[in-house]
Amino acid sequence: MPVLERVSAEDALPRVQEALGALISDAKVNHGAVDISCSPESFVDVARSLRDMQGIRCRFFTFLSAVDRSEVADNPGGLEVLLHVYSPDYTIHVTVHVPVDAESPRCPSITDVYEGALWHERETHEMYGVEFEGHPRLVNLYLPEDFEGHPGLRAFKLPSRSVKDWPGAKDPEEAAAGGR
């Protein structure tokens, strides 16, 4: 049975930075987890390194989703894919931020690295419009295939219903006033 080593986020940060080197553009500790950023081109290599590198071994896939920070007042940003993984061997949490183009969001699929990403990439595609290149079956989970828009985006506005005349109205003026 392997001996587990508890590693704090502060101690894990240099390990992650050393293992990933030029593949990442930013690294910091955020709420007890290692937060890193990488380009879409580096995403698969980053995910594979986090999973396989000795001293890190983030073998547990937690989630993949996206966040739209395009209309955030205090810290505006754009659309980014988020990946969270965990190392049961070292108790390391790592969140990977992958900024993608908001107009044409594309990101490589990591389903060959973490099979659990299959469902998460489909949901992220459906809700945020991110095209995961290499995903084996990128189809909707919740919405009908002919649904227009992506509900996770801040720019998505729910269409409103048209107001109908009050069915109990006795004359046109009463109907126009909502039946009052």
N, C-alpha and C. Protein backbone atom coordinates (compact mmCIF):
# COMPACT_ATOMS: atom_id res chain seq x y z
N MET A 1 0.84 -1.18 0.00
CA MET A 1 0.00 0.00 0.00
C MET A 1 0.89 1.24 0.00
N PRO A 2 0.62 2.19 -0.94
CA PRO A 2 1.48 3.37 -1.02
C PRO A 2 1.30 4.28 0.20
N VAL A 3 2.38 4.93 0.57
CA VAL A 3 2.33 5.89 1.66
C VAL A 3 1.84 7.21 1.09
N LEU A 4 0.80 7.76 1.70
CA LEU A 4 0.26 9.03 1.23
C LEU A 4 1.01 10.18 1.89
N GLU A 5 1.24 11.20 1.10
CA GLU A 5 1.96 12.38 1.57
C GLU A 5 1.03 13.58 1.46
N ARG A 6 0.70 14.20 2.58
CA ARG A 6 -0.14 15.40 2.55
C ARG A 6 0.73 16.59 2.18
N VAL A 7 0.31 17.29 1.13
CA VAL A 7 1.07 18.44 0.65
C VAL A 7 0.15 19.65 0.66
N SER A 8 0.59 20.74 1.25
CA SER A 8 -0.21 21.97 1.25
C SER A 8 -0.17 22.59 -0.15
N ALA A 9 -1.11 23.46 -0.41
CA ALA A 9 -1.15 24.14 -1.70
C ALA A 9 0.11 24.97 -1.92
N GLU A 10 0.61 25.57 -0.85
CA GLU A 10 1.82 26.39 -0.95
C GLU A 10 3.03 25.53 -1.33
N ASP A 11 3.09 24.29 -0.82
CA ASP A 11 4.19 23.39 -1.18
C ASP A 11 3.97 22.74 -2.54
N ALA A 12 2.71 22.60 -2.94
CA ALA A 12 2.39 21.99 -4.24
C ALA A 12 2.66 22.94 -5.39
N LEU A 13 2.51 24.24 -5.15
CA LEU A 13 2.68 25.23 -6.22
C LEU A 13 4.03 25.12 -6.93
N PRO A 14 5.18 25.06 -6.22
CA PRO A 14 6.45 24.93 -6.95
C PRO A 14 6.57 23.60 -7.69
N ARG A 15 5.98 22.54 -7.15
CA ARG A 15 5.99 21.25 -7.87
C ARG A 15 5.27 21.37 -9.20
N VAL A 16 4.10 21.99 -9.16
CA VAL A 16 3.30 22.15 -10.38
C VAL A 16 4.02 23.06 -11.37
N GLN A 17 4.57 24.16 -10.88
CA GLN A 17 5.29 25.08 -11.76
C GLN A 17 6.49 24.41 -12.41
N GLU A 18 7.23 23.63 -11.64
CA GLU A 18 8.40 22.93 -12.19
C GLU A 18 7.98 21.87 -13.20
N ALA A 19 6.93 21.13 -12.91
CA ALA A 19 6.48 20.06 -13.80
C ALA A 19 5.93 20.60 -15.12
N LEU A 20 5.27 21.75 -15.06
CA LEU A 20 4.60 22.26 -16.26
C LEU A 20 5.39 23.34 -16.99
N GLY A 21 6.25 24.03 -16.28
CA GLY A 21 7.14 24.99 -16.93
C GLY A 21 6.45 25.96 -17.87
N ALA A 22 6.89 25.96 -19.12
CA ALA A 22 6.39 26.90 -20.12
C ALA A 22 4.98 26.58 -20.61
N LEU A 23 4.42 25.44 -20.21
CA LEU A 23 3.05 25.10 -20.62
C LEU A 23 2.01 25.99 -19.96
N ILE A 24 2.37 26.61 -18.83
CA ILE A 24 1.41 27.44 -18.11
C ILE A 24 1.84 28.90 -18.15
N SER A 25 0.86 29.80 -18.06
CA SER A 25 1.16 31.22 -18.12
C SER A 25 1.02 31.90 -16.76
N ASP A 26 0.34 31.27 -15.83
CA ASP A 26 0.13 31.87 -14.52
C ASP A 26 -0.07 30.74 -13.52
N ALA A 27 0.40 30.95 -12.30
CA ALA A 27 0.22 29.96 -11.24
C ALA A 27 0.19 30.67 -9.90
N LYS A 28 -0.76 30.27 -9.06
CA LYS A 28 -0.89 30.87 -7.73
C LYS A 28 -1.69 29.93 -6.84
N VAL A 29 -1.69 30.24 -5.56
CA VAL A 29 -2.53 29.52 -4.61
C VAL A 29 -3.80 30.32 -4.42
N ASN A 30 -4.94 29.66 -4.51
CA ASN A 30 -6.23 30.32 -4.40
C ASN A 30 -7.15 29.46 -3.56
N HIS A 31 -7.48 29.90 -2.36
CA HIS A 31 -8.38 29.17 -1.46
C HIS A 31 -7.95 27.73 -1.24
N GLY A 32 -6.68 27.51 -0.99
CA GLY A 32 -6.19 26.18 -0.67
C GLY A 32 -5.99 25.26 -1.86
N ALA A 33 -6.07 25.79 -3.06
CA ALA A 33 -5.85 24.99 -4.27
C ALA A 33 -4.84 25.72 -5.16
N VAL A 34 -4.19 24.96 -6.02
CA VAL A 34 -3.28 25.54 -6.99
C VAL A 34 -4.11 25.95 -8.19
N ASP A 35 -4.00 27.20 -8.59
CA ASP A 35 -4.70 27.74 -9.76
C ASP A 35 -3.66 28.00 -10.84
N ILE A 36 -3.88 27.44 -12.02
CA ILE A 36 -2.96 27.68 -13.13
C ILE A 36 -3.75 28.07 -14.37
N SER A 37 -3.11 28.75 -15.28
CA SER A 37 -3.71 29.12 -16.56
C SER A 37 -2.83 28.59 -17.67
N CYS A 38 -3.49 28.18 -18.75
CA CYS A 38 -2.75 27.72 -19.92
C CYS A 38 -3.55 28.04 -21.17
N SER A 39 -2.89 27.96 -22.30
CA SER A 39 -3.56 28.20 -23.59
C SER A 39 -4.31 26.93 -24.00
N PRO A 40 -5.28 27.07 -24.89
CA PRO A 40 -5.95 25.87 -25.39
C PRO A 40 -4.98 24.88 -26.04
N GLU A 41 -3.95 25.39 -26.68
CA GLU A 41 -2.96 24.53 -27.34
C GLU A 41 -2.19 23.66 -26.35
N SER A 42 -2.03 24.13 -25.13
CA SER A 42 -1.28 23.39 -24.10
C SER A 42 -2.17 22.55 -23.20
N PHE A 43 -3.49 22.69 -23.33
CA PHE A 43 -4.43 22.10 -22.39
C PHE A 43 -4.28 20.59 -22.21
N VAL A 44 -4.18 19.85 -23.30
CA VAL A 44 -4.07 18.39 -23.21
C VAL A 44 -2.76 18.00 -22.52
N ASP A 45 -1.67 18.65 -22.89
CA ASP A 45 -0.37 18.35 -22.26
C ASP A 45 -0.39 18.69 -20.77
N VAL A 46 -1.03 19.79 -20.41
CA VAL A 46 -1.13 20.17 -18.99
C VAL A 46 -1.94 19.12 -18.23
N ALA A 47 -3.08 18.73 -18.77
CA ALA A 47 -3.92 17.72 -18.10
C ALA A 47 -3.18 16.40 -17.95
N ARG A 48 -2.49 15.98 -19.00
CA ARG A 48 -1.75 14.71 -18.95
C ARG A 48 -0.59 14.79 -17.93
N SER A 49 0.11 15.91 -17.90
CA SER A 49 1.21 16.07 -16.94
C SER A 49 0.70 16.08 -15.51
N LEU A 50 -0.41 16.78 -15.27
CA LEU A 50 -0.98 16.79 -13.92
C LEU A 50 -1.36 15.38 -13.47
N ARG A 51 -1.85 14.58 -14.39
CA ARG A 51 -2.26 13.21 -14.06
C ARG A 51 -1.06 12.30 -13.82
N ASP A 52 0.00 12.45 -14.62
CA ASP A 52 1.08 11.46 -14.64
C ASP A 52 2.35 11.82 -13.87
N MET A 53 2.59 13.09 -13.62
CA MET A 53 3.86 13.50 -13.02
C MET A 53 3.99 13.02 -11.58
N GLN A 54 5.11 12.37 -11.29
CA GLN A 54 5.40 11.94 -9.92
C GLN A 54 5.48 13.17 -9.02
N GLY A 55 4.90 13.09 -7.85
CA GLY A 55 4.88 14.21 -6.93
C GLY A 55 3.64 15.07 -7.06
N ILE A 56 2.85 14.82 -8.12
CA ILE A 56 1.58 15.54 -8.32
C ILE A 56 0.45 14.51 -8.42
N ARG A 57 0.45 13.72 -9.48
CA ARG A 57 -0.48 12.60 -9.73
C ARG A 57 -1.95 12.94 -9.45
N CYS A 58 -2.45 13.96 -10.12
CA CYS A 58 -3.87 14.32 -10.01
C CYS A 58 -4.68 13.36 -10.87
N ARG A 59 -4.93 12.17 -10.33
CA ARG A 59 -5.62 11.12 -11.06
C ARG A 59 -7.14 11.23 -10.97
N PHE A 60 -7.65 12.03 -10.04
CA PHE A 60 -9.08 12.14 -9.83
C PHE A 60 -9.63 13.35 -10.56
N PHE A 61 -10.45 13.12 -11.57
CA PHE A 61 -11.10 14.18 -12.33
C PHE A 61 -12.34 14.61 -11.53
N THR A 62 -12.41 15.89 -11.18
CA THR A 62 -13.55 16.39 -10.42
C THR A 62 -14.61 16.99 -11.34
N PHE A 63 -14.24 18.00 -12.11
CA PHE A 63 -15.21 18.58 -13.03
C PHE A 63 -14.52 19.38 -14.12
N LEU A 64 -15.28 19.63 -15.18
CA LEU A 64 -14.88 20.53 -16.25
C LEU A 64 -16.12 21.34 -16.58
N SER A 65 -15.97 22.64 -16.69
CA SER A 65 -17.08 23.52 -17.04
C SER A 65 -16.50 24.78 -17.67
N ALA A 66 -17.29 25.83 -17.70
CA ALA A 66 -16.82 27.11 -18.22
C ALA A 66 -17.40 28.22 -17.36
N VAL A 67 -16.84 29.40 -17.51
CA VAL A 67 -17.35 30.58 -16.83
C VAL A 67 -17.26 31.75 -17.80
N ASP A 68 -18.31 32.56 -17.81
CA ASP A 68 -18.35 33.73 -18.67
C ASP A 68 -18.21 34.96 -17.78
N ARG A 69 -17.06 35.60 -17.85
CA ARG A 69 -16.81 36.79 -17.03
C ARG A 69 -16.91 38.07 -17.86
N SER A 70 -17.60 37.99 -18.98
CA SER A 70 -17.64 39.13 -19.90
C SER A 70 -18.34 40.35 -19.32
N GLU A 71 -19.27 40.18 -18.40
CA GLU A 71 -20.00 41.32 -17.85
C GLU A 71 -19.78 41.48 -16.35
N VAL A 72 -18.70 40.93 -15.83
CA VAL A 72 -18.41 41.07 -14.40
C VAL A 72 -17.86 42.48 -14.17
N ALA A 73 -18.48 43.21 -13.27
CA ALA A 73 -18.15 44.62 -13.07
C ALA A 73 -16.76 44.82 -12.47
N ASP A 74 -16.43 44.10 -11.40
CA ASP A 74 -15.18 44.38 -10.71
C ASP A 74 -13.96 43.71 -11.33
N ASN A 75 -14.15 42.66 -12.13
CA ASN A 75 -13.01 41.97 -12.73
C ASN A 75 -13.43 41.41 -14.09
N PRO A 76 -13.60 42.30 -15.08
CA PRO A 76 -14.07 41.80 -16.37
C PRO A 76 -13.07 40.87 -17.03
N GLY A 77 -13.57 39.88 -17.68
CA GLY A 77 -12.73 38.93 -18.40
C GLY A 77 -13.52 38.41 -19.57
N GLY A 78 -13.19 37.23 -19.99
CA GLY A 78 -13.90 36.64 -21.11
C GLY A 78 -14.40 35.26 -20.74
N LEU A 79 -14.48 34.42 -21.71
CA LEU A 79 -14.95 33.06 -21.53
C LEU A 79 -13.75 32.15 -21.29
N GLU A 80 -13.86 31.30 -20.28
CA GLU A 80 -12.78 30.35 -20.04
C GLU A 80 -13.33 29.00 -19.62
N VAL A 81 -12.61 27.96 -20.04
CA VAL A 81 -12.90 26.59 -19.63
C VAL A 81 -12.18 26.37 -18.31
N LEU A 82 -12.84 25.68 -17.39
CA LEU A 82 -12.24 25.37 -16.09
C LEU A 82 -12.17 23.86 -15.93
N LEU A 83 -11.03 23.39 -15.44
CA LEU A 83 -10.84 21.98 -15.12
C LEU A 83 -10.37 21.91 -13.67
N HIS A 84 -10.98 21.02 -12.89
CA HIS A 84 -10.51 20.80 -11.52
C HIS A 84 -10.15 19.33 -11.38
N VAL A 85 -8.94 19.07 -10.89
CA VAL A 85 -8.47 17.70 -10.65
C VAL A 85 -7.89 17.62 -9.25
N TYR A 86 -7.75 16.40 -8.76
CA TYR A 86 -7.31 16.18 -7.38
C TYR A 86 -6.34 15.00 -7.32
N SER A 87 -5.38 15.12 -6.43
CA SER A 87 -4.43 14.03 -6.21
C SER A 87 -4.74 13.35 -4.88
N PRO A 88 -5.25 12.11 -4.93
CA PRO A 88 -5.47 11.39 -3.67
C PRO A 88 -4.16 11.01 -2.98
N ASP A 89 -3.08 10.90 -3.74
CA ASP A 89 -1.78 10.52 -3.16
C ASP A 89 -1.15 11.66 -2.37
N TYR A 90 -1.36 12.91 -2.83
CA TYR A 90 -0.68 14.06 -2.23
C TYR A 90 -1.65 15.11 -1.68
N THR A 91 -2.94 14.87 -1.80
CA THR A 91 -4.01 15.80 -1.39
C THR A 91 -3.83 17.18 -2.03
N ILE A 92 -3.54 17.18 -3.32
CA ILE A 92 -3.37 18.43 -4.06
C ILE A 92 -4.60 18.67 -4.92
N HIS A 93 -5.18 19.87 -4.81
CA HIS A 93 -6.26 20.32 -5.68
C HIS A 93 -5.67 21.27 -6.70
N VAL A 94 -6.00 21.07 -7.98
CA VAL A 94 -5.51 21.97 -9.03
C VAL A 94 -6.68 22.38 -9.91
N THR A 95 -6.80 23.68 -10.13
CA THR A 95 -7.79 24.22 -11.06
C THR A 95 -7.05 24.81 -12.24
N VAL A 96 -7.44 24.40 -13.44
CA VAL A 96 -6.81 24.88 -14.66
C VAL A 96 -7.79 25.82 -15.36
N HIS A 97 -7.34 27.03 -15.66
CA HIS A 97 -8.13 28.03 -16.38
C HIS A 97 -7.61 28.09 -17.81
N VAL A 98 -8.52 27.93 -18.77
CA VAL A 98 -8.14 27.96 -20.18
C VAL A 98 -8.97 29.04 -20.89
N PRO A 99 -8.43 30.24 -21.07
CA PRO A 99 -9.18 31.29 -21.78
C PRO A 99 -9.41 30.88 -23.24
N VAL A 100 -10.65 31.06 -23.70
CA VAL A 100 -10.99 30.74 -25.09
C VAL A 100 -11.62 31.97 -25.73
N ASP A 101 -11.56 32.03 -27.04
CA ASP A 101 -12.13 33.14 -27.79
C ASP A 101 -13.65 33.14 -27.63
N ALA A 102 -14.21 34.24 -27.16
CA ALA A 102 -15.66 34.31 -26.91
C ALA A 102 -16.47 34.23 -28.20
N GLU A 103 -15.92 34.71 -29.30
CA GLU A 103 -16.65 34.70 -30.57
C GLU A 103 -16.68 33.31 -31.21
N SER A 104 -15.62 32.56 -31.05
CA SER A 104 -15.53 31.21 -31.61
C SER A 104 -14.80 30.32 -30.60
N PRO A 105 -15.50 29.95 -29.50
CA PRO A 105 -14.81 29.21 -28.43
C PRO A 105 -14.44 27.79 -28.83
N ARG A 106 -13.14 27.51 -28.85
CA ARG A 106 -12.63 26.19 -29.20
C ARG A 106 -11.60 25.76 -28.17
N CYS A 107 -11.64 24.47 -27.86
CA CYS A 107 -10.70 23.91 -26.89
C CYS A 107 -10.54 22.43 -27.22
N PRO A 108 -9.34 21.89 -27.13
CA PRO A 108 -9.19 20.47 -27.39
C PRO A 108 -9.85 19.64 -26.29
N SER A 109 -10.35 18.50 -26.66
CA SER A 109 -10.97 17.58 -25.71
C SER A 109 -9.89 16.89 -24.89
N ILE A 110 -10.19 16.67 -23.61
CA ILE A 110 -9.26 15.91 -22.76
C ILE A 110 -9.85 14.55 -22.40
N THR A 111 -10.79 14.06 -23.21
CA THR A 111 -11.42 12.78 -22.91
C THR A 111 -10.46 11.61 -23.00
N ASP A 112 -9.35 11.76 -23.73
CA ASP A 112 -8.33 10.71 -23.77
C ASP A 112 -7.48 10.70 -22.50
N VAL A 113 -7.48 11.81 -21.77
CA VAL A 113 -6.72 11.91 -20.52
C VAL A 113 -7.61 11.53 -19.34
N TYR A 114 -8.79 12.13 -19.28
CA TYR A 114 -9.77 11.85 -18.22
C TYR A 114 -11.08 11.46 -18.89
N GLU A 115 -11.44 10.19 -18.81
CA GLU A 115 -12.66 9.72 -19.46
C GLU A 115 -13.91 10.38 -18.86
N GLY A 116 -13.82 10.79 -17.60
CA GLY A 116 -14.94 11.47 -16.97
C GLY A 116 -15.30 12.79 -17.62
N ALA A 117 -14.42 13.32 -18.46
CA ALA A 117 -14.69 14.59 -19.13
C ALA A 117 -15.71 14.45 -20.26
N LEU A 118 -16.05 13.24 -20.65
CA LEU A 118 -17.01 13.04 -21.75
C LEU A 118 -18.30 13.81 -21.52
N TRP A 119 -18.94 13.58 -20.39
CA TRP A 119 -20.21 14.20 -20.07
C TRP A 119 -20.03 15.70 -19.84
N HIS A 120 -18.98 16.09 -19.11
CA HIS A 120 -18.75 17.48 -18.77
C HIS A 120 -18.51 18.34 -20.01
N GLU A 121 -17.78 17.82 -20.97
CA GLU A 121 -17.54 18.57 -22.20
C GLU A 121 -18.83 18.74 -23.00
N ARG A 122 -19.68 17.73 -22.99
CA ARG A 122 -20.97 17.86 -23.68
C ARG A 122 -21.82 18.95 -23.03
N GLU A 123 -21.86 18.96 -21.70
CA GLU A 123 -22.64 19.97 -21.00
C GLU A 123 -22.08 21.37 -21.24
N THR A 124 -20.76 21.51 -21.20
CA THR A 124 -20.13 22.80 -21.41
C THR A 124 -20.36 23.29 -22.84
N HIS A 125 -20.33 22.37 -23.78
CA HIS A 125 -20.63 22.71 -25.17
C HIS A 125 -22.06 23.23 -25.30
N GLU A 126 -22.98 22.56 -24.66
CA GLU A 126 -24.39 22.92 -24.74
C GLU A 126 -24.69 24.25 -24.05
N MET A 127 -24.15 24.46 -22.88
CA MET A 127 -24.47 25.65 -22.09
C MET A 127 -23.66 26.88 -22.48
N TYR A 128 -22.42 26.69 -22.95
CA TYR A 128 -21.54 27.82 -23.25
C TYR A 128 -21.10 27.90 -24.71
N GLY A 129 -21.36 26.89 -25.50
CA GLY A 129 -21.00 26.92 -26.91
C GLY A 129 -19.56 26.59 -27.22
N VAL A 130 -18.83 26.01 -26.27
CA VAL A 130 -17.43 25.66 -26.51
C VAL A 130 -17.36 24.40 -27.37
N GLU A 131 -16.63 24.48 -28.46
CA GLU A 131 -16.41 23.32 -29.34
C GLU A 131 -15.19 22.56 -28.83
N PHE A 132 -15.39 21.34 -28.36
CA PHE A 132 -14.28 20.53 -27.88
C PHE A 132 -13.79 19.65 -29.03
N GLU A 133 -12.70 20.07 -29.63
CA GLU A 133 -12.16 19.37 -30.79
C GLU A 133 -11.63 18.01 -30.38
N GLY A 134 -12.10 16.97 -31.06
CA GLY A 134 -11.68 15.61 -30.76
C GLY A 134 -12.65 14.86 -29.86
N HIS A 135 -13.70 15.52 -29.40
CA HIS A 135 -14.70 14.83 -28.57
C HIS A 135 -15.46 13.84 -29.44
N PRO A 136 -15.66 12.61 -28.98
CA PRO A 136 -16.27 11.59 -29.83
C PRO A 136 -17.77 11.77 -30.12
N ARG A 137 -18.50 12.53 -29.30
CA ARG A 137 -19.94 12.67 -29.53
C ARG A 137 -20.46 13.92 -28.84
N LEU A 138 -20.23 15.05 -29.45
CA LEU A 138 -20.57 16.34 -28.86
C LEU A 138 -22.01 16.71 -29.22
N VAL A 139 -22.97 16.12 -28.49
CA VAL A 139 -24.39 16.39 -28.72
C VAL A 139 -25.01 16.88 -27.41
N ASN A 140 -26.16 17.53 -27.53
CA ASN A 140 -26.83 18.09 -26.36
C ASN A 140 -27.27 17.04 -25.37
N LEU A 141 -27.25 17.42 -24.10
CA LEU A 141 -27.74 16.56 -23.02
C LEU A 141 -29.14 16.96 -22.58
N TYR A 142 -29.40 18.26 -22.48
CA TYR A 142 -30.63 18.75 -21.88
C TYR A 142 -31.58 19.42 -22.88
N LEU A 143 -31.05 20.22 -23.76
CA LEU A 143 -31.87 21.05 -24.63
C LEU A 143 -32.15 20.35 -25.95
N PRO A 144 -33.28 20.69 -26.60
CA PRO A 144 -33.54 20.11 -27.92
C PRO A 144 -32.46 20.52 -28.92
N GLU A 145 -32.22 19.68 -29.90
CA GLU A 145 -31.17 19.96 -30.88
C GLU A 145 -31.38 21.27 -31.64
N ASP A 146 -32.64 21.70 -31.80
CA ASP A 146 -32.90 22.93 -32.54
C ASP A 146 -32.91 24.17 -31.64
N PHE A 147 -32.55 24.03 -30.36
CA PHE A 147 -32.52 25.15 -29.43
C PHE A 147 -31.48 26.16 -29.89
N GLU A 148 -31.81 27.42 -29.85
CA GLU A 148 -30.89 28.47 -30.27
C GLU A 148 -30.31 29.19 -29.06
N GLY A 149 -29.01 29.28 -29.01
CA GLY A 149 -28.34 29.99 -27.94
C GLY A 149 -27.69 29.07 -26.93
N HIS A 150 -27.00 29.69 -25.99
CA HIS A 150 -26.27 28.95 -24.94
C HIS A 150 -26.60 29.61 -23.60
N PRO A 151 -27.45 28.96 -22.79
CA PRO A 151 -27.95 29.57 -21.55
C PRO A 151 -26.90 29.95 -20.52
N GLY A 152 -25.71 29.40 -20.58
CA GLY A 152 -24.67 29.75 -19.61
C GLY A 152 -23.99 31.08 -19.88
N LEU A 153 -24.15 31.58 -21.09
CA LEU A 153 -23.51 32.86 -21.45
C LEU A 153 -24.30 34.03 -20.88
N ARG A 154 -23.59 35.04 -20.42
CA ARG A 154 -24.25 36.21 -19.85
C ARG A 154 -25.08 36.96 -20.90
N ALA A 155 -24.72 36.86 -22.15
CA ALA A 155 -25.45 37.54 -23.21
C ALA A 155 -26.77 36.84 -23.55
N PHE A 156 -26.96 35.62 -23.06
CA PHE A 156 -28.19 34.88 -23.37
C PHE A 156 -29.34 35.46 -22.57
N LYS A 157 -30.38 35.85 -23.25
CA LYS A 157 -31.58 36.38 -22.60
C LYS A 157 -32.75 35.44 -22.90
N LEU A 158 -33.47 35.07 -21.86
CA LEU A 158 -34.64 34.23 -22.06
C LEU A 158 -35.71 35.02 -22.81
N PRO A 159 -36.29 34.41 -23.84
CA PRO A 159 -37.35 35.13 -24.54
C PRO A 159 -38.59 35.23 -23.64
N SER A 160 -39.26 36.35 -23.72
CA SER A 160 -40.47 36.51 -22.90
C SER A 160 -41.69 36.08 -23.69
N ARG A 161 -42.71 35.71 -22.95
CA ARG A 161 -43.96 35.34 -23.59
C ARG A 161 -44.70 36.61 -24.03
N SER A 162 -45.56 36.47 -25.03
CA SER A 162 -46.38 37.62 -25.41
C SER A 162 -47.57 37.68 -24.45
N VAL A 163 -47.97 38.88 -24.12
CA VAL A 163 -49.08 39.07 -23.19
C VAL A 163 -50.38 38.89 -23.95
N LYS A 164 -51.25 38.06 -23.40
CA LYS A 164 -52.55 37.80 -24.03
C LYS A 164 -53.63 38.58 -23.29
N ASP A 165 -54.70 38.87 -23.99
CA ASP A 165 -55.84 39.53 -23.37
C ASP A 165 -56.39 38.68 -22.24
N TRP A 166 -56.87 39.36 -21.22
CA TRP A 166 -57.51 38.68 -20.09
C TRP A 166 -58.77 37.99 -20.60
N PRO A 167 -58.90 36.68 -20.36
CA PRO A 167 -60.04 35.96 -20.94
C PRO A 167 -61.40 36.38 -20.35
N GLY A 168 -61.41 36.99 -19.18
CA GLY A 168 -62.69 37.37 -18.57
C GLY A 168 -63.11 38.79 -18.88
N ALA A 169 -62.35 39.50 -19.73
CA ALA A 169 -62.67 40.88 -20.05
C ALA A 169 -63.96 40.97 -20.84
N LYS A 170 -64.77 41.99 -20.50
CA LYS A 170 -66.08 42.14 -21.16
C LYS A 170 -66.03 43.11 -22.33
N ASP A 171 -65.12 44.08 -22.32
CA ASP A 171 -65.03 45.01 -23.44
C ASP A 171 -63.55 45.26 -23.78
N PRO A 172 -63.24 45.83 -24.93
CA PRO A 172 -61.86 46.01 -25.36
C PRO A 172 -61.02 46.86 -24.41
N GLU A 173 -61.61 47.92 -23.81
CA GLU A 173 -60.84 48.75 -22.87
C GLU A 173 -60.43 47.95 -21.65
N GLU A 174 -61.35 47.11 -21.16
CA GLU A 174 -61.05 46.28 -19.98
C GLU A 174 -59.95 45.26 -20.32
N ALA A 175 -60.02 44.69 -21.52
CA ALA A 175 -59.00 43.73 -21.95
C ALA A 175 -57.63 44.41 -22.04
N ALA A 176 -57.61 45.66 -22.58
CA ALA A 176 -56.34 46.38 -22.73
C ALA A 176 -55.74 46.73 -21.37
N ALA A 177 -56.58 46.89 -20.37
CA ALA A 177 -56.12 47.21 -19.02
C ALA A 177 -55.80 45.98 -18.20
N GLY A 178 -55.82 44.84 -18.84
CA GLY A 178 -55.51 43.59 -18.12
C GLY A 178 -56.69 43.01 -17.37
N GLY A 179 -57.91 43.42 -17.75
CA GLY A 179 -59.10 42.86 -17.11
C GLY A 179 -59.56 43.66 -15.91
N ARG A 180 -59.02 44.83 -15.71
CA ARG A 180 -59.40 45.64 -14.55
C ARG A 180 -60.44 46.66 -14.89
